[in-house]
C-alpha atoms as a PDB file:
ATOM      1  CA  THR A   1       8.413  -2.238  -1.927  1.00  0.00           C
ATOM      2  CA  PRO A   2      10.800   0.827  -1.578  1.00  0.00           C
ATOM      3  CA  GLN A   3      13.190  -0.554  -4.335  1.00  0.00           C
ATOM      4  CA  ILE A   4      13.667   1.786  -7.343  1.00  0.00           C
ATOM      5  CA  VAL A   5      12.412  -0.856 -10.008  1.00  0.00           C
ATOM      6  CA  ALA A   6       9.131  -1.273  -7.942  1.00  0.00           C
ATOM      7  CA  GLN A   7       8.701   2.500  -7.989  1.00  0.00           C
ATOM      8  CA  GLU A   8       8.903   2.691 -11.774  1.00  0.00           C
ATOM      9  CA  ASP A   9       6.319  -0.032 -12.025  1.00  0.00           C
ATOM     10  CA  VAL A  10       4.151   1.888  -9.574  1.00  0.00           C
ATOM     11  CA  VAL A  11       4.339   5.051 -11.694  1.00  0.00           C
ATOM     12  CA  ARG A  12       3.507   3.123 -14.955  1.00  0.00           C
ATOM     13  CA  GLY A  13       0.506   1.601 -13.215  1.00  0.00           C
ATOM     14  CA  GLY A  14      -0.533   4.755 -11.595  1.00  0.00           C
ATOM     15  CA  GLU A  15      -0.425   6.812 -14.717  1.00  0.00           C
ATOM     16  CA  MET A  16      -2.308   3.958 -16.545  1.00  0.00           C
ATOM     17  CA  PHE A  17      -5.187   4.283 -13.782  1.00  0.00           C
ATOM     18  CA  LEU A  18      -5.304   8.062 -13.981  1.00  0.00           C
ATOM     19  CA  LYS A  19      -5.585   7.969 -17.662  1.00  0.00           C
ATOM     20  CA  VAL A  20      -8.696   5.832 -17.437  1.00  0.00           C
ATOM     21  CA  GLY A  21     -10.144   7.835 -14.723  1.00  0.00           C
ATOM     22  CA  VAL A  22      -9.459   5.625 -11.666  1.00  0.00           C
ATOM     23  CA  PRO A  23      -8.453   7.885  -8.875  1.00  0.00           C
ATOM     24  CA  ILE A  24      -5.322   7.160  -6.608  1.00  0.00           C
ATOM     25  CA  LEU A  25      -6.327   7.724  -2.947  1.00  0.00           C
ATOM     26  CA  GLY A  26      -2.912   7.095  -1.490  1.00  0.00           C
ATOM     27  CA  VAL A  27       0.372   5.105  -1.236  1.00  0.00           C
ATOM     28  CA  ILE A  28       1.011   2.051   0.898  1.00  0.00           C
ATOM     29  CA  GLU A  29       4.540   0.970   1.085  1.00  0.00           C
ATOM     30  CA  ASN A  30       4.888  -2.794   1.312  1.00  0.00           C
ATOM     31  CA  MET A  31       7.969  -4.558   2.816  1.00  0.00           C
ATOM     32  CA  ALA A  32       9.126  -1.282   4.269  1.00  0.00           C
ATOM     33  CA  ALA A  33      11.349  -2.746   6.967  1.00  0.00           C
ATOM     34  CA  PHE A  34      12.140  -5.870   8.659  1.00  0.00           C
ATOM     35  CA  SER A  35      12.516  -6.294  12.511  1.00  0.00           C
ATOM     36  CA  CYS A  36      14.290  -9.252  14.023  1.00  0.00           C
ATOM     37  CA  ASP A  37      13.448 -10.810  17.414  1.00  0.00           C
ATOM     38  CA  CYS A  38      16.537  -8.955  18.803  1.00  0.00           C
ATOM     39  CA  GLY A  39      14.701  -5.832  18.055  1.00  0.00           C
ATOM     40  CA  HIS A  40      17.128  -4.494  15.121  1.00  0.00           C
ATOM     41  CA  THR A  41      15.189  -3.071  12.263  1.00  0.00           C
ATOM     42  CA  ALA A  42      16.642  -3.082   8.760  1.00  0.00           C
ATOM     43  CA  LYS A  43      15.391  -1.599   5.561  1.00  0.00           C
ATOM     44  CA  ILE A  44      16.248  -4.383   3.384  1.00  0.00           C
ATOM     45  CA  PHE A  45      14.794  -2.992   0.176  1.00  0.00           C
ATOM     46  CA  GLY A  46      15.829   0.747   0.774  1.00  0.00           C
ATOM     47  CA  SER A  47      13.659   3.639   1.978  1.00  0.00           C
ATOM     48  CA  GLY A  48      11.774   6.566   0.659  1.00  0.00           C
ATOM     49  CA  GLY A  49       9.872   4.946  -2.002  1.00  0.00           C
ATOM     50  CA  GLY A  50       6.381   5.582  -0.483  1.00  0.00           C
ATOM     51  CA  LYS A  51       7.117   9.283   0.078  1.00  0.00           C
ATOM     52  CA  ALA A  52       8.510   9.565  -3.508  1.00  0.00           C
ATOM     53  CA  MET A  53       5.191   7.913  -4.965  1.00  0.00           C
ATOM     54  CA  SER A  54       3.305  10.290  -2.653  1.00  0.00           C
ATOM     55  CA  GLU A  55       4.904  13.221  -3.935  1.00  0.00           C
ATOM     56  CA  HIS A  56       4.674  12.094  -7.583  1.00  0.00           C
ATOM     57  CA  PHE A  57       0.879  11.455  -7.413  1.00  0.00           C
ATOM     58  CA  GLY A  58       0.141  14.107  -4.909  1.00  0.00           C
ATOM     59  CA  VAL A  59      -1.671  11.935  -2.471  1.00  0.00           C
ATOM     60  CA  PRO A  60      -0.935  10.941   1.210  1.00  0.00           C
ATOM     61  CA  VAL A  61       1.192   7.893   2.369  1.00  0.00           C
ATOM     62  CA  LEU A  62      -1.362   5.821   3.980  1.00  0.00           C
ATOM     63  CA  GLY A  63       1.011   3.555   5.936  1.00  0.00           C
ATOM     64  CA  SER A  64       4.232   1.428   5.590  1.00  0.00           C
ATOM     65  CA  ILE A  65       3.781  -2.436   6.264  1.00  0.00           C
ATOM     66  CA  ALA A  66       6.847  -4.085   7.689  1.00  0.00           C
ATOM     67  CA  LEU A  67       8.131  -7.419   6.299  1.00  0.00           C
ATOM     68  CA  GLU A  68       6.553 -10.098   8.454  1.00  0.00           C
ATOM     69  CA  SER A  69       6.724 -13.844   8.011  1.00  0.00           C
ATOM     70  CA  ARG A  70       3.008 -14.024   9.535  1.00  0.00           C
ATOM     71  CA  ILE A  71       1.842 -12.274   6.463  1.00  0.00           C
ATOM     72  CA  ARG A  72       3.260 -14.939   4.221  1.00  0.00           C
ATOM     73  CA  GLU A  73       2.101 -17.614   6.478  1.00  0.00           C
ATOM     74  CA  GLY A  74      -1.505 -16.247   6.867  1.00  0.00           C
ATOM     75  CA  GLY A  75      -1.653 -15.991   2.998  1.00  0.00           C
ATOM     76  CA  ASP A  76      -0.513 -19.866   2.681  1.00  0.00           C
ATOM     77  CA  GLN A  77      -3.155 -20.948   5.105  1.00  0.00           C
ATOM     78  CA  GLY A  78      -5.867 -18.644   4.008  1.00  0.00           C
ATOM     79  CA  GLU A  79      -5.892 -16.664   7.160  1.00  0.00           C
ATOM     80  CA  PRO A  80      -6.203 -12.828   7.018  1.00  0.00           C
ATOM     81  CA  ILE A  81      -3.366 -11.196   8.668  1.00  0.00           C
ATOM     82  CA  VAL A  82      -5.535  -8.412  10.232  1.00  0.00           C
ATOM     83  CA  THR A  83      -7.156 -11.246  12.471  1.00  0.00           C
ATOM     84  CA  SER A  84      -3.609 -11.910  14.152  1.00  0.00           C
ATOM     85  CA  GLY A  85      -1.583  -9.894  16.316  1.00  0.00           C
ATOM     86  CA  GLY A  86       1.497  -7.981  15.266  1.00  0.00           C
ATOM     87  CA  LEU A  87       2.629  -4.728  13.881  1.00  0.00           C
ATOM     88  CA  ALA A  88       1.577  -5.455  10.359  1.00  0.00           C
ATOM     89  CA  ALA A  89      -1.995  -6.406  11.140  1.00  0.00           C
ATOM     90  CA  GLU A  90      -2.250  -3.246  13.200  1.00  0.00           C
ATOM     91  CA  THR A  91      -0.737  -1.230  10.244  1.00  0.00           C
ATOM     92  CA  ILE A  92      -3.215  -2.922   7.875  1.00  0.00           C
ATOM     93  CA  ARG A  93      -6.199  -2.160  10.151  1.00  0.00           C
ATOM     94  CA  THR A  94      -5.105   1.678  10.365  1.00  0.00           C
ATOM     95  CA  ILE A  95      -4.766   1.743   6.654  1.00  0.00           C
ATOM     96  CA  ALA A  96      -8.225   0.239   6.051  1.00  0.00           C
ATOM     97  CA  LYS A  97      -9.848   2.893   8.235  1.00  0.00           C
ATOM     98  CA  GLN A  98      -8.230   5.754   6.295  1.00  0.00           C
ATOM     99  CA  LEU A  99      -9.178   4.198   3.094  1.00  0.00           C
ATOM    100  CA  THR A 100     -12.871   3.976   4.342  1.00  0.00           C
ATOM    101  CA  GLY A 101     -12.796   7.843   4.927  1.00  0.00           C
ATOM    102  CA  LEU A 102     -11.056   8.432   1.755  1.00  0.00           C
ATOM    103  CA  VAL A 103     -13.604   6.345  -0.226  1.00  0.00           C
ATOM    104  CA  ASP A 104     -16.395   8.049   1.388  1.00  0.00           C
ATOM    105  CA  GLU A 105     -15.077  11.645   0.499  1.00  0.00           C
ATOM    106  CA  ALA A 106     -13.902  10.664  -3.029  1.00  0.00           C
ATOM    107  CA  GLU A 107     -15.886  12.421  -5.770  1.00  0.00           C
ATOM    108  CA  VAL A 108     -16.225   9.498  -8.238  1.00  0.00           C
ATOM    109  CA  SER A 109     -18.624   9.556 -10.921  1.00  0.00           C
ATOM    110  CA  ASP A 110     -20.366   6.538 -12.201  1.00  0.00           C
ATOM    111  CA  PRO A 111     -18.572   5.017 -15.265  1.00  0.00           C
ATOM    112  CA  GLU A 112     -19.820   5.610 -18.652  1.00  0.00           C
ATOM    113  CA  ILE A 113     -20.685   2.195 -20.307  1.00  0.00           C
ATOM    114  CA  ASN A 114     -20.549   2.159 -24.173  1.00  0.00           C
ATOM    115  CA  ILE A 115     -21.780  -1.015 -25.800  1.00  0.00           C
ATOM    116  CA  MET A 116     -20.324  -1.337 -29.337  1.00  0.00           C
END
């Protein structure tokens, strides 16, 4: 989420992953905004968190996923959101396509395994 406390958690987690050699391919902002049926959009949790994390880690913002009840409902019912309609489903599909390309391009070496 764009909240400051969430950003602090992301920085700590991201720094940990970088320390152990796990690349960060991009940032996905979750619960970025809420659109009600009347068409009004509100950024309930603030804004700019994804951009700030993108700049901090030097990676692109891959997308911002809106807060939609369909995501929770699909999770509760065991149905992936990407199989339904809606903006969040389309956004997640777009992000997945970007990630596929980034993973193909990533220069990731095989991990060194040490048995002690």
